[in-house]
Amino acid sequence: MSAAKIKVLCVDDSALIRDLLTEIINSQPDMEVVAVAPDPIAARGFDQAAQP
């Protein structure tokens, strides 16, 4: 049985950095990006819905 993946909320003001971080994190077998946001204000809406 496989262990549950670590859920990550990726927040950065640069779209390029968000994309790079998402790609790096998703390449890890035990991690996955469940949501991305451009700033902390926008991220607040994802913290409960995505449960990172």
Foldseek 3Di string as FASTA:
>chain_A
DDDAAAEDEAEAQDPVVSVVVQVVQCVDPRYHYQYYYNHPVVCVVVCVVSVD
